Amino acid sequence: MARLANPGFLPEAAIGKRVRVWFSDGREGRCDDNPMSPPGWAADGRAGCRWSLTGRPHDIAEYEVVE
């Protein structure tokens, strides 16, 4: 799947899924480097991503749903 722009709220296509993210400062979001961890980040739920756009460098600018 291609990178998509963050709409500022949890995208419907990401509900219940894991995502790779790129921050507004251009860096790719990284989880830990544990090979046992699932790829990407939880898009929602208790440990899910923050989708709101605040103007800070760690806002998610783009995302990709991990299949």
PDB file of N, CA and C in Angstrom:
ATOM      1  N   MET A   1       0.851  -1.193   0.000  1.00  0.00           N
ATOM      2  CA  MET A   1       0.000   0.000   0.000  1.00  0.00           C
ATOM      3  C   MET A   1       0.885   1.241   0.000  1.00  0.00           C
ATOM      4  N   ALA A   2       0.444   2.278  -0.612  1.00  0.00           N
ATOM      5  CA  ALA A   2       1.187   3.531  -0.699  1.00  0.00           C
ATOM      6  C   ALA A   2       0.997   4.368   0.560  1.00  0.00           C
ATOM      7  N   ARG A   3       1.908   5.286   0.769  1.00  0.00           N
ATOM      8  CA  ARG A   3       1.763   6.226   1.887  1.00  0.00           C
ATOM      9  C   ARG A   3       0.556   7.117   1.648  1.00  0.00           C
ATOM     10  N   LEU A   4      -0.184   7.359   2.713  1.00  0.00           N
ATOM     11  CA  LEU A   4      -1.359   8.222   2.651  1.00  0.00           C
ATOM     12  C   LEU A   4      -1.187   9.360   3.631  1.00  0.00           C
ATOM     13  N   ALA A   5      -1.760  10.503   3.329  1.00  0.00           N
ATOM     14  CA  ALA A   5      -1.698  11.652   4.225  1.00  0.00           C
ATOM     15  C   ALA A   5      -2.582  11.421   5.447  1.00  0.00           C
ATOM     16  N   ASN A   6      -2.124  11.840   6.598  1.00  0.00           N
ATOM     17  CA  ASN A   6      -2.897  11.750   7.833  1.00  0.00           C
ATOM     18  C   ASN A   6      -4.037  12.769   7.770  1.00  0.00           C
ATOM     19  N   PRO A   7      -5.287  12.319   7.899  1.00  0.00           N
ATOM     20  CA  PRO A   7      -6.404  13.248   7.846  1.00  0.00           C
ATOM     21  C   PRO A   7      -6.637  14.002   9.162  1.00  0.00           C
ATOM     22  N   GLY A   8      -5.887  13.657  10.210  1.00  0.00           N
ATOM     23  CA  GLY A   8      -6.065  14.325  11.498  1.00  0.00           C
ATOM     24  C   GLY A   8      -6.950  13.540  12.456  1.00  0.00           C
ATOM     25  N   PHE A   9      -7.390  12.383  12.020  1.00  0.00           N
ATOM     26  CA  PHE A   9      -8.201  11.477  12.848  1.00  0.00           C
ATOM     27  C   PHE A   9      -7.907  10.053  12.374  1.00  0.00           C
ATOM     28  N   LEU A  10      -8.298   9.062  13.166  1.00  0.00           N
ATOM     29  CA  LEU A  10      -8.049   7.669  12.816  1.00  0.00           C
ATOM     30  C   LEU A  10      -8.722   7.331  11.485  1.00  0.00           C
ATOM     31  N   PRO A  11      -7.939   6.985  10.469  1.00  0.00           N
ATOM     32  CA  PRO A  11      -8.534   6.631   9.175  1.00  0.00           C
ATOM     33  C   PRO A  11      -9.295   5.308   9.267  1.00  0.00           C
ATOM     34  N   GLU A  12     -10.400   5.220   8.588  1.00  0.00           N
ATOM     35  CA  GLU A  12     -11.233   4.017   8.631  1.00  0.00           C
ATOM     36  C   GLU A  12     -10.448   2.778   8.198  1.00  0.00           C
ATOM     37  N   ALA A  13      -9.581   2.920   7.197  1.00  0.00           N
ATOM     38  CA  ALA A  13      -8.807   1.778   6.690  1.00  0.00           C
ATOM     39  C   ALA A  13      -7.802   1.259   7.708  1.00  0.00           C
ATOM     40  N   ALA A  14      -7.501   2.050   8.743  1.00  0.00           N
ATOM     41  CA  ALA A  14      -6.503   1.655   9.741  1.00  0.00           C
ATOM     42  C   ALA A  14      -7.114   1.074  11.015  1.00  0.00           C
ATOM     43  N   ILE A  15      -8.410   1.121  11.151  1.00  0.00           N
ATOM     44  CA  ILE A  15      -9.062   0.634  12.367  1.00  0.00           C
ATOM     45  C   ILE A  15      -8.728  -0.838  12.593  1.00  0.00           C
ATOM     46  N   GLY A  16      -8.209  -1.136  13.777  1.00  0.00           N
ATOM     47  CA  GLY A  16      -7.878  -2.501  14.139  1.00  0.00           C
ATOM     48  C   GLY A  16      -6.622  -3.051  13.475  1.00  0.00           C
ATOM     49  N   LYS A  17      -5.870  -2.193  12.801  1.00  0.00           N
ATOM     50  CA  LYS A  17      -4.690  -2.634  12.058  1.00  0.00           C
ATOM     51  C   LYS A  17      -3.423  -2.034  12.674  1.00  0.00           C
ATOM     52  N   ARG A  18      -2.301  -2.377  12.074  1.00  0.00           N
ATOM     53  CA  ARG A  18      -1.005  -1.799  12.432  1.00  0.00           C
ATOM     54  C   ARG A  18      -0.558  -0.927  11.277  1.00  0.00           C
ATOM     55  N   VAL A  19       0.175   0.128  11.591  1.00  0.00           N
ATOM     56  CA  VAL A  19       0.595   1.088  10.573  1.00  0.00           C
ATOM     57  C   VAL A  19       2.072   1.446  10.714  1.00  0.00           C
ATOM     58  N   ARG A  20       2.690   1.783   9.604  1.00  0.00           N
ATOM     59  CA  ARG A  20       3.995   2.437   9.598  1.00  0.00           C
ATOM     60  C   ARG A  20       3.682   3.915   9.476  1.00  0.00           C
ATOM     61  N   VAL A  21       4.458   4.752  10.151  1.00  0.00           N
ATOM     62  CA  VAL A  21       4.186   6.189  10.126  1.00  0.00           C
ATOM     63  C   VAL A  21       5.445   6.983   9.810  1.00  0.00           C
ATOM     64  N   TRP A  22       5.225   8.154   9.231  1.00  0.00           N
ATOM     65  CA  TRP A  22       6.281   9.130   8.984  1.00  0.00           C
ATOM     66  C   TRP A  22       5.825  10.429   9.622  1.00  0.00           C
ATOM     67  N   PHE A  23       6.726  11.022  10.408  1.00  0.00           N
ATOM     68  CA  PHE A  23       6.401  12.245  11.142  1.00  0.00           C
ATOM     69  C   PHE A  23       6.523  13.480  10.257  1.00  0.00           C
ATOM     70  N   SER A  24       5.969  14.575  10.730  1.00  0.00           N
ATOM     71  CA  SER A  24       6.016  15.822   9.961  1.00  0.00           C
ATOM     72  C   SER A  24       7.436  16.358   9.823  1.00  0.00           C
ATOM     73  N   ASP A  25       8.361  15.906  10.677  1.00  0.00           N
ATOM     74  CA  ASP A  25       9.761  16.330  10.523  1.00  0.00           C
ATOM     75  C   ASP A  25      10.526  15.456   9.529  1.00  0.00           C
ATOM     76  N   GLY A  26       9.813  14.506   8.873  1.00  0.00           N
ATOM     77  CA  GLY A  26      10.405  13.685   7.830  1.00  0.00           C
ATOM     78  C   GLY A  26      10.926  12.335   8.278  1.00  0.00           C
ATOM     79  N   ARG A  27      11.024  12.114   9.588  1.00  0.00           N
ATOM     80  CA  ARG A  27      11.552  10.839  10.075  1.00  0.00           C
ATOM     81  C   ARG A  27      10.475   9.763  10.076  1.00  0.00           C
ATOM     82  N   GLU A  28      10.925   8.520   9.896  1.00  0.00           N
ATOM     83  CA  GLU A  28      10.009   7.389  10.012  1.00  0.00           C
ATOM     84  C   GLU A  28       9.861   7.042  11.480  1.00  0.00           C
ATOM     85  N   GLY A  29       8.643   6.810  11.910  1.00  0.00           N
ATOM     86  CA  GLY A  29       8.404   6.408  13.290  1.00  0.00           C
ATOM     87  C   GLY A  29       8.950   5.007  13.518  1.00  0.00           C
ATOM     88  N   ARG A  30       9.626   4.824  14.608  1.00  0.00           N
ATOM     89  CA  ARG A  30      10.220   3.525  14.921  1.00  0.00           C
ATOM     90  C   ARG A  30       9.653   3.008  16.221  1.00  0.00           C
ATOM     91  N   CYS A  31       9.336   1.741  16.228  1.00  0.00           N
ATOM     92  CA  CYS A  31       8.964   1.060  17.453  1.00  0.00           C
ATOM     93  C   CYS A  31      10.273   0.579  18.060  1.00  0.00           C
ATOM     94  N   ASP A  32      10.273  -0.470  18.804  1.00  0.00           N
ATOM     95  CA  ASP A  32      11.542  -1.001  19.283  1.00  0.00           C
ATOM     96  C   ASP A  32      12.153  -1.902  18.209  1.00  0.00           C
ATOM     97  N   ASP A  33      13.388  -2.284  18.379  1.00  0.00           N
ATOM     98  CA  ASP A  33      14.065  -3.137  17.406  1.00  0.00           C
ATOM     99  C   ASP A  33      13.979  -4.605  17.770  1.00  0.00           C
ATOM    100  N   ASN A  34      13.051  -4.966  18.631  1.00  0.00           N
ATOM    101  CA  ASN A  34      12.876  -6.347  19.032  1.00  0.00           C
ATOM    102  C   ASN A  34      12.316  -7.143  17.848  1.00  0.00           C
ATOM    103  N   PRO A  35      13.034  -8.172  17.384  1.00  0.00           N
ATOM    104  CA  PRO A  35      12.545  -8.941  16.233  1.00  0.00           C
ATOM    105  C   PRO A  35      11.248  -9.704  16.518  1.00  0.00           C
ATOM    106  N   MET A  36      10.886  -9.832  17.786  1.00  0.00           N
ATOM    107  CA  MET A  36       9.648 -10.531  18.138  1.00  0.00           C
ATOM    108  C   MET A  36       8.440  -9.593  18.121  1.00  0.00           C
ATOM    109  N   SER A  37       8.672  -8.295  18.055  1.00  0.00           N
ATOM    110  CA  SER A  37       7.565  -7.334  18.010  1.00  0.00           C
ATOM    111  C   SER A  37       6.915  -7.359  16.639  1.00  0.00           C
ATOM    112  N   PRO A  38       5.603  -7.174  16.572  1.00  0.00           N
ATOM    113  CA  PRO A  38       4.958  -7.106  15.262  1.00  0.00           C
ATOM    114  C   PRO A  38       5.396  -5.835  14.544  1.00  0.00           C
ATOM    115  N   PRO A  39       5.331  -5.819  13.218  1.00  0.00           N
ATOM    116  CA  PRO A  39       5.757  -4.625  12.477  1.00  0.00           C
ATOM    117  C   PRO A  39       4.821  -3.447  12.707  1.00  0.00           C
ATOM    118  N   GLY A  40       5.364  -2.265  12.633  1.00  0.00           N
ATOM    119  CA  GLY A  40       4.570  -1.050  12.741  1.00  0.00           C
ATOM    120  C   GLY A  40       4.039  -0.796  14.144  1.00  0.00           C
ATOM    121  N   TRP A  41       3.064   0.102  14.219  1.00  0.00           N
ATOM    122  CA  TRP A  41       2.431   0.499  15.469  1.00  0.00           C
ATOM    123  C   TRP A  41       0.946   0.191  15.400  1.00  0.00           C
ATOM    124  N   ALA A  42       0.341  -0.010  16.558  1.00  0.00           N
ATOM    125  CA  ALA A  42      -1.115  -0.161  16.609  1.00  0.00           C
ATOM    126  C   ALA A  42      -1.743   1.170  16.198  1.00  0.00           C
ATOM    127  N   ALA A  43      -2.683   1.122  15.282  1.00  0.00           N
ATOM    128  CA  ALA A  43      -3.328   2.348  14.815  1.00  0.00           C
ATOM    129  C   ALA A  43      -4.317   2.896  15.832  1.00  0.00           C
ATOM    130  N   ASP A  44      -4.891   2.003  16.646  1.00  0.00           N
ATOM    131  CA  ASP A  44      -5.893   2.439  17.619  1.00  0.00           C
ATOM    132  C   ASP A  44      -5.775   1.584  18.872  1.00  0.00           C
ATOM    133  N   GLY A  45      -6.660   1.815  19.804  1.00  0.00           N
ATOM    134  CA  GLY A  45      -6.615   1.069  21.061  1.00  0.00           C
ATOM    135  C   GLY A  45      -5.784   1.786  22.112  1.00  0.00           C
ATOM    136  N   ARG A  46      -5.584   1.123  23.225  1.00  0.00           N
ATOM    137  CA  ARG A  46      -4.916   1.735  24.372  1.00  0.00           C
ATOM    138  C   ARG A  46      -3.510   2.235  24.052  1.00  0.00           C
ATOM    139  N   ALA A  47      -2.760   1.494  23.266  1.00  0.00           N
ATOM    140  CA  ALA A  47      -1.388   1.896  22.911  1.00  0.00           C
ATOM    141  C   ALA A  47      -1.316   2.397  21.473  1.00  0.00           C
ATOM    142  N   GLY A  48      -2.433   2.855  20.942  1.00  0.00           N
ATOM    143  CA  GLY A  48      -2.492   3.272  19.545  1.00  0.00           C
ATOM    144  C   GLY A  48      -1.871   4.628  19.270  1.00  0.00           C
ATOM    145  N   CYS A  49      -1.783   4.945  18.010  1.00  0.00           N
ATOM    146  CA  CYS A  49      -1.201   6.201  17.543  1.00  0.00           C
ATOM    147  C   CYS A  49      -2.075   7.402  17.914  1.00  0.00           C
ATOM    148  N   ARG A  50      -1.449   8.558  17.983  1.00  0.00           N
ATOM    149  CA  ARG A  50      -2.174   9.825  18.128  1.00  0.00           C
ATOM    150  C   ARG A  50      -2.290  10.414  16.728  1.00  0.00           C
ATOM    151  N   TRP A  51      -3.488  10.540  16.239  1.00  0.00           N
ATOM    152  CA  TRP A  51      -3.723  10.991  14.866  1.00  0.00           C
ATOM    153  C   TRP A  51      -3.972  12.488  14.757  1.00  0.00           C
ATOM    154  N   SER A  52      -4.206  13.181  15.871  1.00  0.00           N
ATOM    155  CA  SER A  52      -4.485  14.612  15.801  1.00  0.00           C
ATOM    156  C   SER A  52      -3.269  15.368  15.274  1.00  0.00           C
ATOM    157  N   LEU A  53      -3.532  16.470  14.593  1.00  0.00           N
ATOM    158  CA  LEU A  53      -2.475  17.311  14.039  1.00  0.00           C
ATOM    159  C   LEU A  53      -2.332  18.550  14.912  1.00  0.00           C
ATOM    160  N   THR A  54      -1.171  18.680  15.553  1.00  0.00           N
ATOM    161  CA  THR A  54      -0.946  19.767  16.506  1.00  0.00           C
ATOM    162  C   THR A  54       0.083  20.780  16.027  1.00  0.00           C
ATOM    163  N   GLY A  55       0.773  20.480  14.915  1.00  0.00           N
ATOM    164  CA  GLY A  55       1.828  21.360  14.436  1.00  0.00           C
ATOM    165  C   GLY A  55       3.188  21.024  15.022  1.00  0.00           C
ATOM    166  N   ARG A  56       3.268  19.951  15.783  1.00  0.00           N
ATOM    167  CA  ARG A  56       4.536  19.538  16.395  1.00  0.00           C
ATOM    168  C   ARG A  56       5.280  18.579  15.476  1.00  0.00           C
ATOM    169  N   PRO A  57       6.607  18.438  15.674  1.00  0.00           N
ATOM    170  CA  PRO A  57       7.411  17.564  14.808  1.00  0.00           C
ATOM    171  C   PRO A  57       7.022  16.095  14.851  1.00  0.00           C
ATOM    172  N   HIS A  58       6.377  15.643  15.935  1.00  0.00           N
ATOM    173  CA  HIS A  58       6.014  14.231  16.040  1.00  0.00           C
ATOM    174  C   HIS A  58       4.576  13.942  15.620  1.00  0.00           C
ATOM    175  N   ASP A  59       3.940  14.869  14.948  1.00  0.00           N
ATOM    176  CA  ASP A  59       2.637  14.578  14.341  1.00  0.00           C
ATOM    177  C   ASP A  59       2.851  13.581  13.215  1.00  0.00           C
ATOM    178  N   ILE A  60       1.923  12.674  13.049  1.00  0.00           N
ATOM    179  CA  ILE A  60       1.982  11.748  11.927  1.00  0.00           C
ATOM    180  C   ILE A  60       1.574  12.533  10.675  1.00  0.00           C
ATOM    181  N   ALA A  61       2.479  12.600   9.709  1.00  0.00           N
ATOM    182  CA  ALA A  61       2.188  13.277   8.444  1.00  0.00           C
ATOM    183  C   ALA A  61       1.627  12.290   7.433  1.00  0.00           C
ATOM    184  N   GLU A  62       2.242  11.095   7.394  1.00  0.00           N
ATOM    185  CA  GLU A  62       1.824  10.068   6.452  1.00  0.00           C
ATOM    186  C   GLU A  62       1.812   8.710   7.161  1.00  0.00           C
ATOM    187  N   TYR A  63       1.025   7.800   6.628  1.00  0.00           N
ATOM    188  CA  TYR A  63       0.948   6.466   7.204  1.00  0.00           C
ATOM    189  C   TYR A  63       0.773   5.442   6.099  1.00  0.00           C
ATOM    190  N   GLU A  64       0.995   4.206   6.460  1.00  0.00           N
ATOM    191  CA  GLU A  64       0.809   3.083   5.541  1.00  0.00           C
ATOM    192  C   GLU A  64       0.269   1.927   6.369  1.00  0.00           C
ATOM    193  N   VAL A  65      -0.835   1.348   5.986  1.00  0.00           N
ATOM    194  CA  VAL A  65      -1.400   0.211   6.702  1.00  0.00           C
ATOM    195  C   VAL A  65      -0.515  -1.000   6.425  1.00  0.00           C
ATOM    196  N   VAL A  66      -0.130  -1.719   7.483  1.00  0.00           N
ATOM    197  CA  VAL A  66       0.683  -2.921   7.347  1.00  0.00           C
ATOM    198  C   VAL A  66      -0.257  -4.087   7.109  1.00  0.00           C
ATOM    199  N   GLU A  67      -0.052  -4.777   6.030  1.00  0.00           N
ATOM    200  CA  GLU A  67      -0.928  -5.902   5.662  1.00  0.00           C
ATOM    201  C   GLU A  67      -0.552  -7.157   6.398  1.00  0.00           C
TER     202      GLU A  67
END
